[in-house]
C-alpha atoms as a PDB file:
ATOM      1  CA  MET A   1      -0.183   0.029  -0.143  1.00  0.00           C
ATOM      2  CA  LEU A   2       1.285   3.505  -1.032  1.00  0.00           C
ATOM      3  CA  THR A   3       0.351   5.984   1.389  1.00  0.00           C
ATOM      4  CA  THR A   4       0.506   9.980   1.260  1.00  0.00           C
ATOM      5  CA  GLU A   5       4.045  10.148   2.861  1.00  0.00           C
ATOM      6  CA  ASP A   6       5.462   8.083   0.044  1.00  0.00           C
ATOM      7  CA  PHE A   7       5.313  10.949  -2.070  1.00  0.00           C
ATOM      8  CA  ASP A   8       6.903  13.472  -0.119  1.00  0.00           C
ATOM      9  CA  PHE A   9       9.872  15.608  -0.824  1.00  0.00           C
ATOM     10  CA  ASP A  10      12.002  18.505   0.419  1.00  0.00           C
ATOM     11  CA  LEU A  11      10.981  21.803  -1.419  1.00  0.00           C
ATOM     12  CA  PRO A  12      12.959  25.341   0.038  1.00  0.00           C
ATOM     13  CA  GLU A  13      10.506  27.935  -0.198  1.00  0.00           C
ATOM     14  CA  GLU A  14      12.781  30.201  -2.438  1.00  0.00           C
ATOM     15  CA  LEU A  15      12.451  27.855  -5.668  1.00  0.00           C
ATOM     16  CA  ILE A  16       8.463  28.502  -5.552  1.00  0.00           C
ATOM     17  CA  ALA A  17       8.174  30.536  -8.848  1.00  0.00           C
ATOM     18  CA  GLN A  18       6.212  33.960  -7.916  1.00  0.00           C
ATOM     19  CA  THR A  19       6.057  35.336 -11.367  1.00  0.00           C
ATOM     20  CA  PRO A  20       6.435  34.335 -14.916  1.00  0.00           C
ATOM     21  CA  LEU A  21       9.534  34.642 -17.028  1.00  0.00           C
ATOM     22  CA  ALA A  22       9.554  37.883 -19.167  1.00  0.00           C
ATOM     23  CA  ASP A  23       9.737  35.412 -22.237  1.00  0.00           C
ATOM     24  CA  ARG A  24       7.136  32.116 -21.783  1.00  0.00           C
ATOM     25  CA  SER A  25       9.524  29.797 -23.852  1.00  0.00           C
ATOM     26  CA  SER A  26      12.838  30.371 -21.884  1.00  0.00           C
ATOM     27  CA  SER A  27      12.379  28.151 -18.696  1.00  0.00           C
ATOM     28  CA  LYS A  28      14.606  25.154 -18.176  1.00  0.00           C
ATOM     29  CA  LEU A  29      13.174  22.053 -18.884  1.00  0.00           C
ATOM     30  CA  LEU A  30      14.382  18.396 -17.268  1.00  0.00           C
ATOM     31  CA  VAL A  31      13.912  15.427 -19.676  1.00  0.00           C
ATOM     32  CA  LEU A  32      13.463  12.100 -17.982  1.00  0.00           C
ATOM     33  CA  ASP A  33      13.171   8.580 -19.559  1.00  0.00           C
ATOM     34  CA  LYS A  34      10.736   6.455 -17.829  1.00  0.00           C
ATOM     35  CA  GLU A  35      12.582   3.308 -18.674  1.00  0.00           C
ATOM     36  CA  THR A  36      16.204   4.307 -17.581  1.00  0.00           C
ATOM     37  CA  GLY A  37      15.826   6.608 -15.412  1.00  0.00           C
ATOM     38  CA  GLU A  38      18.067   8.865 -17.171  1.00  0.00           C
ATOM     39  CA  MET A  39      18.216  12.768 -17.090  1.00  0.00           C
ATOM     40  CA  LYS A  40      18.973  15.903 -19.459  1.00  0.00           C
ATOM     41  CA  ASP A  41      18.984  19.560 -18.313  1.00  0.00           C
ATOM     42  CA  THR A  42      18.140  21.244 -21.014  1.00  0.00           C
ATOM     43  CA  HIS A  43      15.680  24.695 -22.192  1.00  0.00           C
ATOM     44  CA  PHE A  44      12.190  24.382 -22.596  1.00  0.00           C
ATOM     45  CA  THR A  45      12.509  25.332 -26.742  1.00  0.00           C
ATOM     46  CA  SER A  46      14.108  21.897 -26.442  1.00  0.00           C
ATOM     47  CA  ILE A  47      10.976  20.162 -26.808  1.00  0.00           C
ATOM     48  CA  LEU A  48      11.469  20.146 -30.342  1.00  0.00           C
ATOM     49  CA  ASP A  49      14.357  17.782 -30.473  1.00  0.00           C
ATOM     50  CA  GLU A  50      11.871  15.514 -27.830  1.00  0.00           C
ATOM     51  CA  LEU A  51       9.017  15.789 -30.738  1.00  0.00           C
ATOM     52  CA  ASN A  52       8.770  13.634 -33.737  1.00  0.00           C
ATOM     53  CA  HIS A  53       7.559  14.164 -37.551  1.00  0.00           C
ATOM     54  CA  GLY A  54       3.816  12.302 -37.231  1.00  0.00           C
ATOM     55  CA  ASP A  55       3.273  12.735 -33.471  1.00  0.00           C
ATOM     56  CA  ALA A  56       0.507  14.562 -32.023  1.00  0.00           C
ATOM     57  CA  LEU A  57       0.671  17.257 -29.751  1.00  0.00           C
ATOM     58  CA  VAL A  58      -2.322  17.436 -27.610  1.00  0.00           C
ATOM     59  CA  MET A  59      -3.155  20.517 -25.597  1.00  0.00           C
ATOM     60  CA  ASN A  60      -5.780  22.166 -23.156  1.00  0.00           C
ATOM     61  CA  ASP A  61      -7.399  25.382 -24.606  1.00  0.00           C
ATOM     62  CA  THR A  62      -9.389  26.383 -21.551  1.00  0.00           C
ATOM     63  CA  ARG A  63      -9.392  29.918 -20.558  1.00  0.00           C
ATOM     64  CA  VAL A  64      -9.270  30.903 -16.782  1.00  0.00           C
ATOM     65  CA  LEU A  65     -12.005  33.180 -15.389  1.00  0.00           C
ATOM     66  CA  PRO A  66     -11.154  36.160 -13.452  1.00  0.00           C
ATOM     67  CA  ALA A  67     -13.400  34.288 -10.868  1.00  0.00           C
ATOM     68  CA  ARG A  68     -11.927  36.006  -7.442  1.00  0.00           C
ATOM     69  CA  LEU A  69     -14.310  38.659  -6.546  1.00  0.00           C
ATOM     70  CA  HIS A  70     -14.230  40.996  -3.439  1.00  0.00           C
ATOM     71  CA  GLY A  71     -17.700  42.084  -2.347  1.00  0.00           C
ATOM     72  CA  VAL A  72     -19.495  43.701   0.634  1.00  0.00           C
ATOM     73  CA  LYS A  73     -22.610  42.819   2.490  1.00  0.00           C
ATOM     74  CA  PRO A  74     -25.087  46.211   2.054  1.00  0.00           C
ATOM     75  CA  GLU A  75     -26.456  45.982   5.341  1.00  0.00           C
ATOM     76  CA  THR A  76     -23.262  45.913   7.511  1.00  0.00           C
ATOM     77  CA  GLY A  77     -20.727  46.743   5.155  1.00  0.00           C
ATOM     78  CA  GLY A  78     -18.780  43.475   6.171  1.00  0.00           C
ATOM     79  CA  HIS A  79     -16.201  42.263   3.261  1.00  0.00           C
ATOM     80  CA  LEU A  80     -16.712  38.868   1.573  1.00  0.00           C
ATOM     81  CA  GLU A  81     -14.150  37.180  -1.066  1.00  0.00           C
ATOM     82  CA  VAL A  82     -15.604  35.030  -4.108  1.00  0.00           C
ATOM     83  CA  LEU A  83     -14.304  32.420  -5.750  1.00  0.00           C
ATOM     84  CA  LEU A  84     -16.547  31.375  -8.897  1.00  0.00           C
ATOM     85  CA  LEU A  85     -16.247  27.197  -9.294  1.00  0.00           C
ATOM     86  CA  LYS A  86     -18.578  25.957 -11.181  1.00  0.00           C
ATOM     87  CA  ASN A  87     -21.449  27.406 -13.239  1.00  0.00           C
ATOM     88  CA  ASN A  88     -24.758  24.783 -12.286  1.00  0.00           C
ATOM     89  CA  GLU A  89     -27.365  26.396 -14.189  1.00  0.00           C
ATOM     90  CA  GLY A  90     -28.220  29.996 -15.650  1.00  0.00           C
ATOM     91  CA  ASP A  91     -26.660  32.438 -13.004  1.00  0.00           C
ATOM     92  CA  ASN A  92     -26.413  29.835 -10.602  1.00  0.00           C
ATOM     93  CA  TRP A  93     -23.438  29.004  -9.849  1.00  0.00           C
ATOM     94  CA  GLU A  94     -21.241  26.754  -7.104  1.00  0.00           C
ATOM     95  CA  THR A  95     -18.707  29.154  -5.063  1.00  0.00           C
ATOM     96  CA  LEU A  96     -16.287  29.182  -2.106  1.00  0.00           C
ATOM     97  CA  ILE A  97     -16.934  32.204   0.066  1.00  0.00           C
ATOM     98  CA  LYS A  98     -14.465  33.552   2.837  1.00  0.00           C
ATOM     99  CA  PRO A  99     -15.310  34.026   5.551  1.00  0.00           C
ATOM    100  CA  ALA A 100     -17.684  31.082   5.231  1.00  0.00           C
ATOM    101  CA  LYS A 101     -19.605  32.250   8.643  1.00  0.00           C
ATOM    102  CA  ARG A 102     -20.442  35.300   7.039  1.00  0.00           C
ATOM    103  CA  ALA A 103     -22.514  34.099   4.127  1.00  0.00           C
ATOM    104  CA  LYS A 104     -25.507  32.156   5.442  1.00  0.00           C
ATOM    105  CA  THR A 105     -28.386  31.399   3.240  1.00  0.00           C
ATOM    106  CA  GLY A 106     -30.412  34.234   2.234  1.00  0.00           C
ATOM    107  CA  THR A 107     -27.163  36.910   2.188  1.00  0.00           C
ATOM    108  CA  ILE A 108     -27.013  39.347  -0.379  1.00  0.00           C
ATOM    109  CA  ILE A 109     -23.586  40.563  -1.807  1.00  0.00           C
ATOM    110  CA  HIS A 110     -22.609  43.745  -3.841  1.00  0.00           C
ATOM    111  CA  PHE A 111     -19.846  43.911  -6.168  1.00  0.00           C
ATOM    112  CA  GLY A 112     -18.755  47.121  -8.001  1.00  0.00           C
ATOM    113  CA  ASP A 113     -20.856  49.219  -6.333  1.00  0.00           C
ATOM    114  CA  GLY A 114     -23.891  46.869  -7.292  1.00  0.00           C
ATOM    115  CA  ARG A 115     -23.302  46.494 -10.464  1.00  0.00           C
ATOM    116  CA  LEU A 116     -23.190  42.675  -9.660  1.00  0.00           C
ATOM    117  CA  LYS A 117     -25.400  40.758  -7.119  1.00  0.00           C
ATOM    118  CA  ALA A 118     -25.269  37.900  -5.576  1.00  0.00           C
ATOM    119  CA  GLU A 119     -27.785  35.917  -3.192  1.00  0.00           C
ATOM    120  CA  VAL A 120     -26.391  33.002  -1.391  1.00  0.00           C
ATOM    121  CA  LYS A 121     -28.962  30.090  -1.961  1.00  0.00           C
ATOM    122  CA  GLU A 122     -27.359  27.417  -0.770  1.00  0.00           C
ATOM    123  CA  GLU A 123     -24.520  26.375   1.941  1.00  0.00           C
ATOM    124  CA  LEU A 124     -22.376  23.538   0.896  1.00  0.00           C
ATOM    125  CA  GLU A 125     -19.225  21.865   2.944  1.00  0.00           C
ATOM    126  CA  HIS A 126     -16.051  23.374   3.519  1.00  0.00           C
ATOM    127  CA  GLY A 127     -17.203  26.951   2.946  1.00  0.00           C
ATOM    128  CA  GLY A 128     -18.678  26.410  -0.384  1.00  0.00           C
ATOM    129  CA  ARG A 129     -21.977  27.788  -1.054  1.00  0.00           C
ATOM    130  CA  ILE A 130     -24.589  27.795  -4.157  1.00  0.00           C
ATOM    131  CA  VAL A 131     -24.887  31.876  -5.018  1.00  0.00           C
ATOM    132  CA  GLU A 132     -27.703  33.658  -7.695  1.00  0.00           C
ATOM    133  CA  PHE A 133     -26.258  36.494  -9.314  1.00  0.00           C
ATOM    134  CA  THR A 134     -27.686  39.463 -10.624  1.00  0.00           C
ATOM    135  CA  TYR A 135     -26.636  42.037 -13.608  1.00  0.00           C
ATOM    136  CA  ASN A 136     -27.035  44.253 -16.494  1.00  0.00           C
ATOM    137  CA  GLY A 137     -25.633  43.036 -19.640  1.00  0.00           C
ATOM    138  CA  ILE A 138     -23.388  40.177 -20.521  1.00  0.00           C
ATOM    139  CA  PHE A 139     -22.152  38.005 -17.293  1.00  0.00           C
ATOM    140  CA  LEU A 140     -18.585  37.342 -18.602  1.00  0.00           C
ATOM    141  CA  GLU A 141     -18.272  41.092 -19.199  1.00  0.00           C
ATOM    142  CA  VAL A 142     -18.852  41.747 -16.305  1.00  0.00           C
ATOM    143  CA  LEU A 143     -16.673  39.602 -14.352  1.00  0.00           C
ATOM    144  CA  GLU A 144     -13.847  40.607 -16.820  1.00  0.00           C
ATOM    145  CA  SER A 145     -13.866  44.073 -15.518  1.00  0.00           C
ATOM    146  CA  LEU A 146     -14.265  43.292 -11.815  1.00  0.00           C
ATOM    147  CA  GLY A 147     -13.128  39.874 -11.498  1.00  0.00           C
ATOM    148  CA  GLU A 148      -9.120  38.904 -10.336  1.00  0.00           C
ATOM    149  CA  MET A 149      -7.184  35.947 -11.559  1.00  0.00           C
ATOM    150  CA  PRO A 150      -7.821  33.592  -8.735  1.00  0.00           C
ATOM    151  CA  LEU A 151      -3.720  32.815  -8.437  1.00  0.00           C
ATOM    152  CA  PRO A 152      -2.834  29.671  -6.498  1.00  0.00           C
ATOM    153  CA  PRO A 153      -2.624  30.179  -2.561  1.00  0.00           C
ATOM    154  CA  TYR A 154       1.497  29.506  -2.781  1.00  0.00           C
ATOM    155  CA  ILE A 155       1.841  32.991  -4.822  1.00  0.00           C
ATOM    156  CA  LYS A 156       1.991  35.971  -2.868  1.00  0.00           C
ATOM    157  CA  GLU A 157       3.149  38.402  -5.794  1.00  0.00           C
ATOM    158  CA  THR A 158       0.586  40.222  -7.775  1.00  0.00           C
ATOM    159  CA  LEU A 159       0.597  39.259 -11.572  1.00  0.00           C
ATOM    160  CA  GLU A 160       0.622  42.561 -13.862  1.00  0.00           C
ATOM    161  CA  ASP A 161      -0.639  41.174 -16.608  1.00  0.00           C
ATOM    162  CA  LYS A 162      -3.772  38.995 -16.275  1.00  0.00           C
ATOM    163  CA  GLU A 163      -2.902  37.004 -19.953  1.00  0.00           C
ATOM    164  CA  ARG A 164       0.453  35.580 -18.615  1.00  0.00           C
ATOM    165  CA  TYR A 165      -1.784  33.284 -16.347  1.00  0.00           C
ATOM    166  CA  GLN A 166      -3.512  32.234 -19.760  1.00  0.00           C
ATOM    167  CA  THR A 167      -1.927  29.969 -22.490  1.00  0.00           C
ATOM    168  CA  VAL A 168      -1.705  32.001 -25.566  1.00  0.00           C
ATOM    169  CA  TYR A 169      -3.918  29.165 -27.335  1.00  0.00           C
ATOM    170  CA  ALA A 170      -6.885  29.388 -24.389  1.00  0.00           C
ATOM    171  CA  LYS A 171      -9.786  29.613 -25.679  1.00  0.00           C
ATOM    172  CA  GLU A 172     -13.036  28.158 -24.060  1.00  0.00           C
ATOM    173  CA  ASN A 173     -13.827  29.937 -20.704  1.00  0.00           C
ATOM    174  CA  GLY A 174     -14.548  28.159 -17.358  1.00  0.00           C
ATOM    175  CA  SER A 175     -11.465  27.713 -15.655  1.00  0.00           C
ATOM    176  CA  ALA A 176     -10.624  28.288 -11.936  1.00  0.00           C
ATOM    177  CA  ALA A 177      -6.629  27.274 -12.585  1.00  0.00           C
ATOM    178  CA  ALA A 178      -4.507  27.741 -15.593  1.00  0.00           C
ATOM    179  CA  PRO A 179      -3.277  24.475 -17.117  1.00  0.00           C
ATOM    180  CA  THR A 180       0.045  25.459 -16.341  1.00  0.00           C
ATOM    181  CA  ALA A 181       2.145  23.101 -18.573  1.00  0.00           C
ATOM    182  CA  GLY A 182       1.029  25.283 -21.558  1.00  0.00           C
ATOM    183  CA  LEU A 183       1.876  28.145 -20.321  1.00  0.00           C
ATOM    184  CA  HIS A 184       5.793  28.010 -21.513  1.00  0.00           C
ATOM    185  CA  PHE A 185       4.321  27.772 -25.481  1.00  0.00           C
ATOM    186  CA  THR A 186       4.668  30.730 -27.589  1.00  0.00           C
ATOM    187  CA  PRO A 187       3.263  31.141 -31.075  1.00  0.00           C
ATOM    188  CA  GLU A 188       6.561  31.127 -32.589  1.00  0.00           C
ATOM    189  CA  LEU A 189       7.477  27.565 -30.977  1.00  0.00           C
ATOM    190  CA  LEU A 190       4.132  26.073 -31.854  1.00  0.00           C
ATOM    191  CA  ASP A 191       4.809  27.177 -35.447  1.00  0.00           C
ATOM    192  CA  GLN A 192       7.824  25.714 -35.048  1.00  0.00           C
ATOM    193  CA  ILE A 193       6.567  21.890 -34.217  1.00  0.00           C
ATOM    194  CA  LYS A 194       3.786  22.022 -36.427  1.00  0.00           C
ATOM    195  CA  GLU A 195       6.490  22.881 -38.905  1.00  0.00           C
ATOM    196  CA  LYS A 196       8.489  19.989 -37.734  1.00  0.00           C
ATOM    197  CA  GLY A 197       5.304  17.460 -38.768  1.00  0.00           C
ATOM    198  CA  VAL A 198       3.582  17.364 -35.328  1.00  0.00           C
ATOM    199  CA  GLU A 199      -0.043  17.607 -35.241  1.00  0.00           C
ATOM    200  CA  LEU A 200      -1.348  19.944 -32.951  1.00  0.00           C
ATOM    201  CA  VAL A 201      -4.429  19.103 -31.153  1.00  0.00           C
ATOM    202  CA  PHE A 202      -6.943  20.751 -28.653  1.00  0.00           C
ATOM    203  CA  LEU A 203      -8.843  19.179 -26.087  1.00  0.00           C
ATOM    204  CA  THR A 204     -10.912  21.048 -23.154  1.00  0.00           C
ATOM    205  CA  LEU A 205     -11.092  20.451 -19.304  1.00  0.00           C
ATOM    206  CA  HIS A 206     -11.883  22.655 -17.058  1.00  0.00           C
ATOM    207  CA  VAL A 207      -9.643  23.507 -14.291  1.00  0.00           C
ATOM    208  CA  GLY A 208     -11.270  23.245 -10.926  1.00  0.00           C
ATOM    209  CA  LEU A 209      -9.553  24.207  -7.642  1.00  0.00           C
ATOM    210  CA  GLY A 210      -9.431  20.837  -6.326  1.00  0.00           C
ATOM    211  CA  THR A 211      -6.271  20.352  -7.943  1.00  0.00           C
ATOM    212  CA  PHE A 212      -4.902  22.676  -5.151  1.00  0.00           C
ATOM    213  CA  ARG A 213      -6.678  20.589  -2.696  1.00  0.00           C
ATOM    214  CA  PRO A 214      -4.119  18.643  -0.477  1.00  0.00           C
ATOM    215  CA  VAL A 215      -4.310  15.075  -0.276  1.00  0.00           C
ATOM    216  CA  SER A 216      -6.377  14.711   3.306  1.00  0.00           C
ATOM    217  CA  VAL A 217      -6.366  10.592   3.571  1.00  0.00           C
ATOM    218  CA  ASP A 218      -3.038   8.061   4.054  1.00  0.00           C
ATOM    219  CA  ASN A 219      -3.801   5.236   1.926  1.00  0.00           C
ATOM    220  CA  ILE A 220      -3.872   6.947  -1.537  1.00  0.00           C
ATOM    221  CA  GLU A 221      -6.075   4.728  -2.680  1.00  0.00           C
ATOM    222  CA  GLU A 222      -9.364   6.048  -0.717  1.00  0.00           C
ATOM    223  CA  HIS A 223      -8.775   9.519  -2.231  1.00  0.00           C
ATOM    224  CA  LYS A 224     -11.559  11.041  -4.100  1.00  0.00           C
ATOM    225  CA  MET A 225     -10.761  13.697  -6.968  1.00  0.00           C
ATOM    226  CA  HIS A 226     -13.240  16.449  -7.668  1.00  0.00           C
ATOM    227  CA  ALA A 227     -15.132  16.365 -10.829  1.00  0.00           C
ATOM    228  CA  GLU A 228     -14.081  18.219 -13.666  1.00  0.00           C
ATOM    229  CA  PHE A 229     -15.924  19.302 -17.171  1.00  0.00           C
ATOM    230  CA  TYR A 230     -13.885  17.907 -20.425  1.00  0.00           C
ATOM    231  CA  ASN A 231     -14.691  17.422 -23.837  1.00  0.00           C
ATOM    232  CA  LEU A 232     -12.816  15.958 -26.903  1.00  0.00           C
ATOM    233  CA  SER A 233     -14.226  16.794 -30.304  1.00  0.00           C
ATOM    234  CA  GLN A 234     -15.064  14.972 -33.662  1.00  0.00           C
ATOM    235  CA  GLU A 235     -12.535  16.466 -34.853  1.00  0.00           C
ATOM    236  CA  ALA A 236      -9.894  16.528 -32.659  1.00  0.00           C
ATOM    237  CA  ALA A 237     -10.367  12.642 -32.089  1.00  0.00           C
ATOM    238  CA  ASP A 238     -10.161  11.952 -36.071  1.00  0.00           C
ATOM    239  CA  LYS A 239      -6.525  13.691 -35.788  1.00  0.00           C
ATOM    240  CA  LEU A 240      -5.647  11.623 -33.026  1.00  0.00           C
ATOM    241  CA  ASN A 241      -6.751   8.373 -34.699  1.00  0.00           C
ATOM    242  CA  LYS A 242      -4.928   9.257 -37.780  1.00  0.00           C
ATOM    243  CA  VAL A 243      -1.825   9.849 -35.693  1.00  0.00           C
ATOM    244  CA  ARG A 244      -2.070   6.585 -34.065  1.00  0.00           C
ATOM    245  CA  GLY A 245      -2.943   4.469 -37.062  1.00  0.00           C
ATOM    246  CA  ASN A 246       0.495   5.944 -38.618  1.00  0.00           C
ATOM    247  CA  GLY A 247       2.858   4.984 -35.840  1.00  0.00           C
ATOM    248  CA  GLY A 248       2.952   8.399 -34.461  1.00  0.00           C
ATOM    249  CA  ARG A 249       2.611   8.919 -31.170  1.00  0.00           C
ATOM    250  CA  ILE A 250      -0.192  11.169 -28.527  1.00  0.00           C
ATOM    251  CA  VAL A 251       2.026  13.606 -26.813  1.00  0.00           C
ATOM    252  CA  ALA A 252       0.056  15.382 -23.729  1.00  0.00           C
ATOM    253  CA  VAL A 253       0.530  18.709 -22.706  1.00  0.00           C
ATOM    254  CA  GLY A 254      -0.251  18.661 -18.654  1.00  0.00           C
ATOM    255  CA  THR A 255      -2.031  16.496 -16.166  1.00  0.00           C
ATOM    256  CA  THR A 256      -5.224  17.810 -17.425  1.00  0.00           C
ATOM    257  CA  SER A 257      -4.491  16.567 -21.125  1.00  0.00           C
ATOM    258  CA  ILE A 258      -3.876  13.564 -19.645  1.00  0.00           C
ATOM    259  CA  ARG A 259      -6.491  12.870 -17.385  1.00  0.00           C
ATOM    260  CA  THR A 260      -9.294  13.903 -20.399  1.00  0.00           C
ATOM    261  CA  LEU A 261      -7.371  11.353 -22.695  1.00  0.00           C
ATOM    262  CA  GLU A 262      -6.860   8.948 -20.344  1.00  0.00           C
ATOM    263  CA  THR A 263     -10.936   9.079 -19.193  1.00  0.00           C
ATOM    264  CA  ILE A 264     -11.831   8.369 -22.836  1.00  0.00           C
ATOM    265  CA  GLY A 265      -9.189   5.747 -23.484  1.00  0.00           C
ATOM    266  CA  THR A 266     -10.655   4.177 -20.004  1.00  0.00           C
ATOM    267  CA  LYS A 267     -14.577   4.367 -21.003  1.00  0.00           C
ATOM    268  CA  PHE A 268     -13.939   3.064 -25.061  1.00  0.00           C
ATOM    269  CA  ASP A 269     -11.612   0.375 -24.073  1.00  0.00           C
ATOM    270  CA  GLY A 270      -8.437   2.187 -25.369  1.00  0.00           C
ATOM    271  CA  GLU A 271      -9.798   3.867 -28.153  1.00  0.00           C
ATOM    272  CA  LEU A 272     -10.437   7.461 -28.599  1.00  0.00           C
ATOM    273  CA  LYS A 273     -13.649   8.942 -29.730  1.00  0.00           C
ATOM    274  CA  ALA A 274     -15.094  12.200 -29.359  1.00  0.00           C
ATOM    275  CA  ASP A 275     -16.838  12.557 -25.863  1.00  0.00           C
ATOM    276  CA  SER A 276     -17.911  15.226 -23.411  1.00  0.00           C
ATOM    277  CA  GLY A 277     -18.262  14.866 -20.069  1.00  0.00           C
ATOM    278  CA  TRP A 278     -17.460  15.176 -16.363  1.00  0.00           C
ATOM    279  CA  THR A 279     -14.085  12.752 -15.183  1.00  0.00           C
ATOM    280  CA  ASP A 280     -13.037  12.356 -11.630  1.00  0.00           C
ATOM    281  CA  ILE A 281     -10.370  10.082 -12.679  1.00  0.00           C
ATOM    282  CA  PHE A 282      -7.487   9.736  -9.996  1.00  0.00           C
ATOM    283  CA  ILE A 283      -4.278   8.099 -11.674  1.00  0.00           C
ATOM    284  CA  ALA A 284      -1.685   6.836  -9.198  1.00  0.00           C
ATOM    285  CA  PRO A 285       0.897   3.844  -9.839  1.00  0.00           C
ATOM    286  CA  GLY A 286      -0.672   0.791 -10.330  1.00  0.00           C
ATOM    287  CA  TYR A 287      -2.538   2.566 -12.959  1.00  0.00           C
ATOM    288  CA  THR A 288      -1.985   1.218 -16.978  1.00  0.00           C
ATOM    289  CA  PHE A 289      -2.075   3.826 -19.272  1.00  0.00           C
ATOM    290  CA  LYS A 290      -4.069   3.269 -22.520  1.00  0.00           C
ATOM    291  CA  VAL A 291      -3.227   6.327 -24.816  1.00  0.00           C
ATOM    292  CA  VAL A 292      -0.552   8.735 -23.562  1.00  0.00           C
ATOM    293  CA  GLU A 293       2.680   7.945 -24.394  1.00  0.00           C
ATOM    294  CA  ALA A 294       4.974  10.722 -23.598  1.00  0.00           C
ATOM    295  CA  PHE A 295       4.074  14.215 -21.826  1.00  0.00           C
ATOM    296  CA  SER A 296       5.401  17.971 -20.498  1.00  0.00           C
ATOM    297  CA  THR A 297       4.342  19.215 -17.159  1.00  0.00           C
ATOM    298  CA  ASN A 298       5.379  21.327 -14.495  1.00  0.00           C
ATOM    299  CA  PHE A 299       7.007  20.523 -11.184  1.00  0.00           C
ATOM    300  CA  HIS A 300       4.020  20.013  -8.956  1.00  0.00           C
ATOM    301  CA  LEU A 301       3.698  20.580  -5.011  1.00  0.00           C
ATOM    302  CA  PRO A 302       5.096  17.161  -2.368  1.00  0.00           C
ATOM    303  CA  LYS A 303       2.613  14.433  -1.828  1.00  0.00           C
ATOM    304  CA  SER A 304       0.239  16.129  -4.416  1.00  0.00           C
ATOM    305  CA  THR A 305      -2.107  13.823  -6.941  1.00  0.00           C
ATOM    306  CA  LEU A 306      -0.128  15.582  -9.902  1.00  0.00           C
ATOM    307  CA  VAL A 307       2.999  13.869  -8.628  1.00  0.00           C
ATOM    308  CA  MET A 308       0.828  10.778  -7.840  1.00  0.00           C
ATOM    309  CA  LEU A 309       0.262  10.709 -11.415  1.00  0.00           C
ATOM    310  CA  VAL A 310       3.533  11.819 -13.082  1.00  0.00           C
ATOM    311  CA  SER A 311       4.856   8.558 -10.727  1.00  0.00           C
ATOM    312  CA  ALA A 312       2.058   6.520 -12.404  1.00  0.00           C
ATOM    313  CA  PHE A 313       3.746   6.886 -15.901  1.00  0.00           C
ATOM    314  CA  ALA A 314       7.396   7.202 -14.929  1.00  0.00           C
ATOM    315  CA  GLY A 315       8.202   5.425 -11.855  1.00  0.00           C
ATOM    316  CA  ARG A 316       7.601   6.866  -7.934  1.00  0.00           C
ATOM    317  CA  GLU A 317      11.204   6.399  -7.407  1.00  0.00           C
ATOM    318  CA  ASN A 318      12.528   8.182 -11.061  1.00  0.00           C
ATOM    319  CA  VAL A 319      10.153  10.712 -10.433  1.00  0.00           C
ATOM    320  CA  LEU A 320      11.102  11.555  -6.705  1.00  0.00           C
ATOM    321  CA  GLY A 321      14.983  11.266  -8.311  1.00  0.00           C
ATOM    322  CA  ALA A 322      14.357  13.633 -10.877  1.00  0.00           C
ATOM    323  CA  TYR A 323      12.734  15.840  -8.474  1.00  0.00           C
ATOM    324  CA  GLU A 324      15.570  15.683  -6.001  1.00  0.00           C
ATOM    325  CA  HIS A 325      17.559  17.162  -9.042  1.00  0.00           C
ATOM    326  CA  ALA A 326      15.529  19.775  -9.907  1.00  0.00           C
ATOM    327  CA  VAL A 327      15.729  20.895  -6.308  1.00  0.00           C
ATOM    328  CA  GLN A 328      19.646  20.998  -6.115  1.00  0.00           C
ATOM    329  CA  GLU A 329      19.751  22.392  -9.923  1.00  0.00           C
ATOM    330  CA  LYS A 330      17.504  25.218  -8.434  1.00  0.00           C
ATOM    331  CA  TYR A 331      14.194  24.766 -10.921  1.00  0.00           C
ATOM    332  CA  ARG A 332      11.723  26.866 -10.151  1.00  0.00           C
ATOM    333  CA  PHE A 333       8.366  24.984  -8.958  1.00  0.00           C
ATOM    334  CA  PHE A 334       5.217  24.911  -9.690  1.00  0.00           C
ATOM    335  CA  SER A 335       2.727  27.552 -11.916  1.00  0.00           C
ATOM    336  CA  PHE A 336       5.451  29.684 -13.077  1.00  0.00           C
ATOM    337  CA  GLY A 337       8.204  27.446 -12.990  1.00  0.00           C
ATOM    338  CA  ASP A 338      10.228  25.400 -14.915  1.00  0.00           C
ATOM    339  CA  ALA A 339       8.430  22.365 -16.924  1.00  0.00           C
ATOM    340  CA  MET A 340       9.809  18.399 -17.391  1.00  0.00           C
ATOM    341  CA  PHE A 341       9.526  15.844 -20.475  1.00  0.00           C
ATOM    342  CA  VAL A 342       8.769  12.775 -19.768  1.00  0.00           C
ATOM    343  CA  LYS A 343       8.955   9.650 -22.535  1.00  0.00           C
END
């Protein structure tokens, strides 16, 4: 039995990247061979050397909503922070409110001089609340003007440019967090990858805040993942099947792309079909990969489900060895940090 402690490692706080690099693609890249455990230190643009003509590079085109809102209770002037998690239907949203004890059912909250209003409809556990918004105009436009990017809790610096927490190919609104493995790509690098004969394929998985939720059980088999919405179009499925049929590899960008592809592969006995729905797939050592043959990813938190996922693919000892090496070589960790390519 593997426990959460089996995925722990020492991480000096100064290695947690607080701001993005000026040039997205100038980050470092650690290449890890899962068969041999061999490692190579290089730069992210060298991902070109790791991709072969005929491969497919699969990216998550979700776009992060400026989902953190600062509001006040009009009757008391008390401040509340509201984080949008999931749009249920119409103007009803599942949210996290801080401090939750001030947000009882029936509470009214005003944002931006009342341009946006919310009423708490239902109380959930862990500070969760279902709220209903009222506003004039288009909700996403109101949100763009009033909301902040919901940066992960370990980033203390203010982000000057909102777009730096979006991938250059972000398109489908709906995430509470960025698929950060994609932050390293520039339009120029994507063009070079395409010129090499690599098929660029996009899917969507809207990242929920459960991504940052720590594993609270000792036995990892008891961990329950949060559900996230995914979509793979018919066009994308056709491209991937063509690549597979011609002997090319499916190379995923980030754990969100991996989870989407493996959800569909699990559902259809290893085949890829157009599909959408909610996934709570938990990939940990012992899992057999059905679709993904290589991937790029960032460096993740100790004891997180993401370290477990990478370990499922490359072996726990290889991954912890790579992380130890990354700490020694002062790689930058987490959302705005450096990257790994695992093959």
